[in-house]
Amino acid sequence: MRTAMTFISRSPEVCWRVFTDAATLTAWVPGLRRANVIANAGLGLAKEILFEFAASRTYTLAYTYDVETREVRWEPQLGKRDAVRGYAKFEPFDDGTRMTYALEEGDGRTDAERVMGDLDVLVDAFSRFVCDRHR
């Protein structure tokens, strides 16, 4: 599993809220066409999400949350060969947040899809989205 860390100049609470909001995923995940919640975990959090990508990849991920430590983990359910597994954690750091993001891609991904799943690209896209649109 590959891991990246970055600093985001927003609070951990804001980062957590945005990251766990399935409705915003298509605004910052490269190539994502749809993210439909198919099961809820309560507290406004998704338990399972169906993902549809531009490259005709479809899979579902199951999510678990540690709200106290602001850590979310995901595991593939349907379409495991094309899916990803990983986690994100949001910790207070200076006047913002240290985000740790880890990802492992399924064996069915093409080289182009692996570029879209590049950790630096994903972390940068999330950071820009949070900083540009949320306070």
Protein backbone atom coordinates (compact mmCIF):
# COMPACT_ATOMS: atom_id res chain seq x y z
CA MET A 1 0.00 0.00 0.00
CA ARG A 2 1.36 3.40 -1.02
CA THR A 3 1.05 6.30 1.44
CA ALA A 4 1.20 10.08 1.07
CA MET A 5 0.96 12.92 3.58
CA THR A 6 0.13 16.56 3.03
CA PHE A 7 -0.74 19.70 4.96
CA ILE A 8 -4.16 21.28 4.36
CA SER A 9 -4.86 24.78 5.63
CA ARG A 10 -8.31 23.85 6.92
CA SER A 11 -9.35 22.30 10.23
CA PRO A 12 -9.44 18.51 10.65
CA GLU A 13 -13.20 18.78 11.21
CA VAL A 14 -13.71 20.50 7.84
CA CYS A 15 -11.43 18.03 6.03
CA TRP A 16 -13.21 15.06 7.64
CA ARG A 17 -16.65 16.42 6.81
CA VAL A 18 -15.75 17.02 3.16
CA PHE A 19 -13.89 13.72 2.68
CA THR A 20 -16.74 11.65 4.14
CA ASP A 21 -19.42 13.45 2.10
CA ALA A 22 -20.13 11.07 -0.78
CA ALA A 23 -22.00 13.83 -2.64
CA THR A 24 -18.72 15.74 -3.19
CA LEU A 25 -16.59 12.84 -4.48
CA THR A 26 -17.19 13.56 -8.18
CA ALA A 27 -15.99 17.14 -7.64
CA TRP A 28 -12.46 16.11 -6.69
CA VAL A 29 -11.74 12.45 -7.61
CA PRO A 30 -10.21 12.43 -11.14
CA GLY A 31 -12.25 10.44 -13.68
CA LEU A 32 -15.13 9.69 -11.30
CA ARG A 33 -18.51 10.01 -13.04
CA ARG A 34 -20.80 8.80 -10.26
CA ALA A 35 -20.67 7.86 -6.59
CA ASN A 36 -23.97 6.45 -5.36
CA VAL A 37 -24.47 5.53 -1.72
CA ILE A 38 -26.08 2.09 -1.60
CA ALA A 39 -25.97 1.60 2.20
CA ASN A 40 -25.67 4.06 5.08
CA ALA A 41 -23.68 3.62 8.29
CA GLY A 42 -25.59 6.32 10.20
CA LEU A 43 -24.45 9.79 11.28
CA GLY A 44 -24.55 10.84 7.62
CA LEU A 45 -21.77 8.40 6.69
CA ALA A 46 -21.87 5.91 3.81
CA LYS A 47 -21.38 2.22 4.55
CA GLU A 48 -21.10 1.22 0.89
CA ILE A 49 -20.72 3.29 -2.29
CA LEU A 50 -21.02 2.30 -5.94
CA PHE A 51 -18.36 4.01 -8.08
CA GLU A 52 -18.55 4.54 -11.85
CA PHE A 53 -15.47 5.85 -13.64
CA ALA A 54 -15.06 7.30 -17.13
CA ALA A 55 -12.94 4.31 -18.12
CA SER A 56 -16.00 2.01 -17.70
CA ARG A 57 -14.84 0.75 -14.33
CA THR A 58 -17.57 0.03 -11.79
CA TYR A 59 -17.09 -1.30 -8.28
CA THR A 60 -18.32 -0.90 -4.73
CA LEU A 61 -16.36 -0.01 -1.62
CA ALA A 62 -17.36 -0.70 1.98
CA TYR A 63 -16.37 1.95 4.53
CA THR A 64 -15.54 1.88 8.23
CA TYR A 65 -15.02 4.96 10.37
CA ASP A 66 -13.25 5.95 13.53
CA VAL A 67 -14.94 9.29 14.10
CA GLU A 68 -12.87 10.07 17.22
CA THR A 69 -9.53 9.84 15.38
CA ARG A 70 -11.01 11.02 12.05
CA GLU A 71 -9.89 7.93 10.16
CA VAL A 72 -11.85 6.27 7.36
CA ARG A 73 -10.98 2.93 5.73
CA TRP A 74 -12.38 1.34 2.58
CA GLU A 75 -12.33 -2.20 1.20
CA PRO A 76 -13.59 -3.50 -2.15
CA GLN A 77 -16.84 -5.45 -2.29
CA LEU A 78 -18.08 -5.93 -5.87
CA GLY A 79 -15.53 -5.60 -8.67
CA LYS A 80 -12.52 -6.30 -6.42
CA ARG A 81 -10.12 -6.66 -9.35
CA ASP A 82 -10.84 -3.07 -10.49
CA ALA A 83 -11.32 -1.50 -7.06
CA VAL A 84 -9.02 0.07 -4.49
CA ARG A 85 -8.49 -0.32 -0.76
CA GLY A 86 -7.03 2.24 1.57
CA TYR A 87 -7.53 4.78 4.29
CA ALA A 88 -7.41 8.49 5.06
CA LYS A 89 -6.69 10.15 8.39
CA PHE A 90 -7.00 13.82 9.38
CA GLU A 91 -4.92 15.07 12.33
CA PRO A 92 -4.49 18.56 13.78
CA PHE A 93 -1.19 20.08 12.68
CA ASP A 94 -0.08 23.70 13.14
CA ASP A 95 -3.04 25.83 12.01
CA GLY A 96 -4.54 23.15 9.80
CA THR A 97 -4.55 19.42 9.12
CA ARG A 98 -2.07 16.71 8.31
CA MET A 99 -3.77 14.32 5.92
CA THR A 100 -2.44 10.79 5.55
CA TYR A 101 -3.78 8.97 2.50
CA ALA A 102 -3.03 5.36 1.59
CA LEU A 103 -4.12 3.41 -1.46
CA GLU A 104 -3.70 -0.02 -2.99
CA GLU A 105 -5.13 -0.60 -6.48
CA GLY A 106 -6.65 -3.78 -7.85
CA ASP A 107 -4.84 -5.81 -10.50
CA GLY A 108 -7.42 -4.98 -13.18
CA ARG A 109 -6.37 -1.35 -13.53
CA THR A 110 -4.73 -0.04 -16.71
CA ASP A 111 -1.67 2.23 -16.68
CA ALA A 112 -3.90 5.24 -17.45
CA GLU A 113 -6.15 4.38 -14.50
CA ARG A 114 -3.13 4.04 -12.25
CA VAL A 115 -2.14 7.60 -13.20
CA MET A 116 -5.61 8.81 -12.14
CA GLY A 117 -5.08 6.93 -8.87
CA ASP A 118 -1.70 8.58 -8.28
CA LEU A 119 -1.53 9.57 -4.61
CA ASP A 120 -0.09 13.02 -5.26
CA VAL A 121 -2.83 13.75 -7.81
CA LEU A 122 -5.59 12.60 -5.44
CA VAL A 123 -4.24 14.38 -2.37
CA ASP A 124 -3.65 17.58 -4.33
CA ALA A 125 -7.16 17.43 -5.85
CA PHE A 126 -8.72 16.97 -2.41
CA SER A 127 -6.62 19.74 -0.85
CA ARG A 128 -7.52 22.21 -3.61
CA PHE A 129 -11.20 21.31 -3.37
CA VAL A 130 -11.30 21.79 0.40
CA CYS A 131 -9.30 25.02 0.36
CA ASP A 132 -11.19 26.57 -2.57
CA ARG A 133 -14.72 25.78 -1.42
CA HIS A 134 -14.80 25.18 2.32
CA ARG A 135 -13.94 27.14 5.43
